[in-house]
Amino acid sequence: MRLRQVMNCGIVGTILSVTLGLSLWGAEPGTSSQLAENLRKGKSQHLVIYGTSLCTPQYSAWVSQLQALIEAGFPKLCTVSNSAVAGAASNWGLENIDARVIALKPDTVLIEFAMNDGYTIYKISVADAQKNLETMIEKVHTSLPNCEIILMTMNQPIGRGLEPRPAFSEYSAIYRKVAKERNLKLIDVQLVWEKLFTDDEKKWHLVVPDNVHPTKEGNELVTTPTIVKALFGSEKVR
């Protein structure tokens, strides 16, 4: 079933859970984001996406899919700005947080950099990756105290995608740790992708053919509905 069909039915999470038998909660079940609550109150919102190629339109379709779903549920109420850059890691994220996030004055920002922080060519230690993430959070909180900060893990790399990222799990664990310590919402997309790999490895490889970047269909299947359910606390974008 394609995104437009799911969007029309308003059952994104149901489709995924039926198809894969997965739990979709990337955060506490039944909770929704500040973004969702404000949209439900009719308040205009600005959502900024900040991260790696796993968030860019060239390599990932989930942002445009999410934007379409939000627009269908809350017409003309939410602006989505994509400040992600392919190849970016958290050192770049920290250097550019002022211009690419804070200057846009978002109501909510989604942050993910673990995939490239774990890429050995960047030589970013786990400790430095955590420090970069926490400094980004502090800068946003200082400049925009009412901005909702949501951390995300993305799909895990496998095979040739994992080879240059041997400690990937340690870098993604930072996001769980920091979210818990700072009481931030976490969308743990990685857990859902790992469940798919365990249940149907062939399907996983089919929708992540380069072992790093999910296809449009892969995003429709896993990433987008997981994010929707975590943001809105239910299968529907309402």
Protein backbone atom coordinates (compact mmCIF):
# COMPACT_ATOMS: atom_id res chain seq x y z
CA MET A 1 0.00 0.00 0.00
CA ARG A 2 1.41 3.38 -1.01
CA LEU A 3 1.67 6.47 1.19
CA ARG A 4 -1.19 8.27 -0.53
CA GLN A 5 -3.48 5.32 0.17
CA VAL A 6 -2.38 5.16 3.78
CA MET A 7 -2.76 8.91 4.14
CA ASN A 8 -6.29 8.78 2.79
CA CYS A 9 -7.17 5.96 5.16
CA GLY A 10 -5.46 7.60 8.13
CA ILE A 11 -4.09 4.27 9.37
CA VAL A 12 -0.33 4.55 8.87
CA GLY A 13 0.66 2.73 12.05
CA THR A 14 -1.99 0.07 11.63
CA ILE A 15 -0.76 -0.82 8.15
CA LEU A 16 2.79 -1.19 9.41
CA SER A 17 1.91 -3.16 12.50
CA VAL A 18 -0.26 -5.55 10.51
CA THR A 19 2.37 -5.94 7.80
CA LEU A 20 5.36 -6.49 10.07
CA GLY A 21 3.92 -7.33 13.45
CA LEU A 22 6.02 -4.51 14.94
CA SER A 23 5.59 -2.21 17.87
CA LEU A 24 5.71 1.32 16.48
CA TRP A 25 6.28 3.27 19.60
CA GLY A 26 9.45 5.33 19.31
CA ALA A 27 8.49 7.05 22.55
CA GLU A 28 6.12 6.40 25.42
CA PRO A 29 2.86 4.88 24.13
CA GLY A 30 -0.08 7.24 24.14
CA THR A 31 2.02 10.38 24.40
CA SER A 32 2.23 12.96 21.68
CA SER A 33 4.61 15.79 20.97
CA GLN A 34 4.27 19.49 21.67
CA LEU A 35 4.13 19.86 17.89
CA ALA A 36 1.04 17.64 17.69
CA GLU A 37 -0.67 19.28 20.64
CA ASN A 38 -0.19 22.76 19.21
CA LEU A 39 -1.43 21.70 15.78
CA ARG A 40 -4.54 20.25 17.41
CA LYS A 41 -5.11 23.64 19.04
CA GLY A 42 -4.91 25.33 15.64
CA LYS A 43 -1.53 26.94 16.29
CA SER A 44 0.84 27.40 13.34
CA GLN A 45 4.05 25.42 13.80
CA HIS A 46 7.50 25.36 12.26
CA LEU A 47 9.27 22.01 12.22
CA VAL A 48 12.99 21.81 11.38
CA ILE A 49 14.74 18.56 10.47
CA TYR A 50 18.46 18.48 11.29
CA GLY A 51 20.75 15.59 10.53
CA THR A 52 22.48 13.44 7.94
CA SER A 53 21.64 12.09 4.49
CA LEU A 54 19.04 9.90 6.24
CA CYS A 55 16.98 13.09 6.43
CA THR A 56 17.79 14.73 3.07
CA PRO A 57 15.43 14.64 0.08
CA GLN A 58 18.20 13.24 -2.13
CA TYR A 59 18.63 10.12 0.01
CA SER A 60 15.51 9.80 2.12
CA ALA A 61 11.81 10.29 1.43
CA TRP A 62 10.42 10.26 4.96
CA VAL A 63 10.55 14.03 5.45
CA SER A 64 8.40 14.73 2.40
CA GLN A 65 6.12 11.84 3.36
CA LEU A 66 5.71 13.25 6.88
CA GLN A 67 5.11 16.72 5.49
CA ALA A 68 2.35 15.40 3.20
CA LEU A 69 0.66 13.62 6.08
CA ILE A 70 0.79 16.68 8.34
CA GLU A 71 -0.54 18.90 5.56
CA ALA A 72 -3.41 16.50 5.00
CA GLY A 73 -4.25 16.46 8.70
CA PHE A 74 -3.60 20.14 9.45
CA PRO A 75 -3.78 22.09 6.19
CA LYS A 76 -1.54 25.18 6.05
CA LEU A 77 -0.68 24.98 9.75
CA CYS A 78 2.82 23.47 9.67
CA THR A 79 5.94 24.65 7.84
CA VAL A 80 8.63 21.98 7.48
CA SER A 81 12.23 23.10 6.86
CA ASN A 82 14.87 20.54 5.99
CA SER A 83 18.29 21.64 7.29
CA ALA A 84 19.91 18.21 6.99
CA VAL A 85 23.01 17.74 4.83
CA ALA A 86 24.38 14.54 3.33
CA GLY A 87 27.69 13.61 4.91
CA ALA A 88 27.15 15.81 7.96
CA ALA A 89 28.20 14.68 11.42
CA SER A 90 27.64 16.27 14.83
CA ASN A 91 30.72 18.49 14.59
CA TRP A 92 29.19 20.06 11.47
CA GLY A 93 25.83 20.12 13.25
CA LEU A 94 27.27 22.10 16.13
CA GLU A 95 29.11 24.52 13.84
CA ASN A 96 25.95 25.24 11.85
CA ILE A 97 23.22 25.05 14.50
CA ASP A 98 22.85 28.83 14.66
CA ALA A 99 22.30 29.39 10.94
CA ARG A 100 20.46 26.19 10.05
CA VAL A 101 18.24 25.77 13.11
CA ILE A 102 18.16 28.65 15.58
CA ALA A 103 17.86 31.37 12.91
CA LEU A 104 14.75 29.61 11.57
CA LYS A 105 13.06 29.90 14.99
CA PRO A 106 11.41 26.47 14.93
CA ASP A 107 8.75 25.34 17.35
CA THR A 108 10.12 21.80 17.10
CA VAL A 109 13.43 20.42 15.86
CA LEU A 110 14.28 16.77 15.15
CA ILE A 111 17.98 15.93 15.50
CA GLU A 112 19.95 12.86 14.32
CA PHE A 113 23.68 12.49 13.58
CA ALA A 114 24.63 9.03 14.91
CA MET A 115 25.05 7.42 11.47
CA ASN A 116 27.89 9.74 10.49
CA ASP A 117 29.34 10.25 13.96
CA GLY A 118 30.06 6.54 13.89
CA TYR A 119 31.77 6.78 10.49
CA THR A 120 35.45 6.28 11.31
CA ILE A 121 36.66 8.71 8.63
CA TYR A 122 35.36 11.59 10.78
CA LYS A 123 37.34 10.48 13.84
CA ILE A 124 34.63 11.62 16.27
CA SER A 125 34.84 9.78 19.58
CA VAL A 126 31.71 8.65 21.40
CA ALA A 127 32.45 11.20 24.12
CA ASP A 128 32.83 14.01 21.58
CA ALA A 129 29.66 12.97 19.77
CA GLN A 130 27.74 13.21 23.03
CA LYS A 131 29.31 16.55 23.86
CA ASN A 132 28.41 17.90 20.41
CA LEU A 133 24.81 16.73 20.77
CA GLU A 134 24.43 18.17 24.26
CA THR A 135 25.96 21.49 23.21
CA MET A 136 23.51 21.69 20.30
CA ILE A 137 20.64 21.06 22.71
CA GLU A 138 21.90 23.71 25.11
CA LYS A 139 22.31 26.29 22.34
CA VAL A 140 18.75 25.71 21.13
CA HIS A 141 17.35 25.84 24.66
CA THR A 142 19.24 29.06 25.40
CA SER A 143 18.15 30.85 22.23
CA LEU A 144 14.69 29.29 21.89
CA PRO A 145 13.55 28.19 25.35
CA ASN A 146 10.12 27.14 24.10
CA CYS A 147 11.44 25.06 21.21
CA GLU A 148 10.69 21.35 21.50
CA ILE A 149 13.81 19.26 20.86
CA ILE A 150 13.25 15.67 19.75
CA LEU A 151 16.12 13.23 19.28
CA MET A 152 16.02 10.43 16.74
CA THR A 153 17.83 7.23 15.96
CA MET A 154 17.56 6.02 12.38
CA ASN A 155 17.96 2.61 10.71
CA GLN A 156 21.02 0.53 11.53
CA PRO A 157 23.71 -0.03 8.85
CA ILE A 158 24.42 -3.62 7.87
CA GLY A 159 27.28 -5.35 6.04
CA ARG A 160 29.27 -2.93 3.91
CA GLY A 161 27.33 -0.09 5.52
CA LEU A 162 28.47 -1.18 8.97
CA GLU A 163 32.12 -1.86 8.09
CA PRO A 164 33.18 1.82 8.28
CA ARG A 165 30.92 2.27 11.35
CA PRO A 166 31.94 -0.64 13.62
CA ALA A 167 30.80 1.16 16.80
CA PHE A 168 27.54 2.46 15.36
CA SER A 169 25.47 1.06 18.23
CA GLU A 170 27.51 3.08 20.74
CA TYR A 171 26.79 6.30 18.87
CA SER A 172 23.08 5.66 18.55
CA ALA A 173 22.96 4.74 22.26
CA ILE A 174 24.02 8.33 23.00
CA TYR A 175 20.62 9.53 21.80
CA ARG A 176 18.78 7.23 24.18
CA LYS A 177 21.04 8.25 27.06
CA VAL A 178 20.80 11.99 26.44
CA ALA A 179 17.04 11.87 25.84
CA LYS A 180 16.54 10.07 29.15
CA GLU A 181 18.87 12.32 31.13
CA ARG A 182 17.44 15.53 29.70
CA ASN A 183 13.82 14.39 29.61
CA LEU A 184 13.57 14.84 25.85
CA LYS A 185 11.33 12.91 23.52
CA LEU A 186 13.12 10.17 21.59
CA ILE A 187 11.93 8.61 18.35
CA ASP A 188 13.80 5.32 18.30
CA VAL A 189 13.39 4.37 14.66
CA GLN A 190 16.37 2.02 14.89
CA LEU A 191 14.50 -0.44 17.09
CA VAL A 192 11.78 -0.89 14.48
CA TRP A 193 14.31 -1.42 11.69
CA GLU A 194 16.15 -3.97 13.84
CA LYS A 195 12.87 -5.82 14.41
CA LEU A 196 12.30 -5.94 10.66
CA PHE A 197 15.82 -7.32 10.12
CA THR A 198 15.23 -10.02 12.73
CA ASP A 199 11.81 -10.97 11.37
CA ASP A 200 12.47 -10.65 7.64
CA GLU A 201 16.11 -10.08 6.68
CA LYS A 202 15.28 -10.44 2.99
CA LYS A 203 12.72 -7.63 3.22
CA TRP A 204 15.21 -5.43 5.08
CA HIS A 205 17.79 -5.79 2.32
CA LEU A 206 15.14 -5.21 -0.33
CA VAL A 207 14.21 -1.79 1.09
CA VAL A 208 17.75 -0.80 2.19
CA PRO A 209 19.71 -1.92 -0.90
CA ASP A 210 22.91 0.00 -0.12
CA ASN A 211 22.81 -1.17 3.52
CA VAL A 212 22.51 2.43 4.78
CA HIS A 213 19.74 4.41 3.01
CA PRO A 214 16.17 3.10 2.91
CA THR A 215 14.30 3.43 -0.37
CA LYS A 216 11.12 5.43 -0.70
CA GLU A 217 9.24 2.20 -0.06
CA GLY A 218 11.40 1.49 2.98
CA ASN A 219 10.57 4.86 4.43
CA GLU A 220 6.88 4.29 3.73
CA LEU A 221 7.10 0.92 5.42
CA VAL A 222 9.07 1.76 8.56
CA THR A 223 10.57 5.21 9.13
CA THR A 224 7.62 7.46 8.30
CA PRO A 225 4.92 5.61 10.25
CA THR A 226 7.23 5.17 13.24
CA ILE A 227 7.84 8.92 13.37
CA VAL A 228 4.14 9.68 12.86
CA LYS A 229 3.12 7.46 15.73
CA ALA A 230 5.75 8.89 18.06
CA LEU A 231 4.85 12.48 17.20
CA PHE A 232 1.08 12.13 17.28
CA GLY A 233 0.62 9.37 19.86
CA SER A 234 -1.55 7.33 17.51
CA GLU A 235 -1.73 6.04 13.95
CA LYS A 236 -3.46 9.18 12.71
CA VAL A 237 -1.99 12.61 12.03
CA ARG A 238 -4.73 14.33 14.01
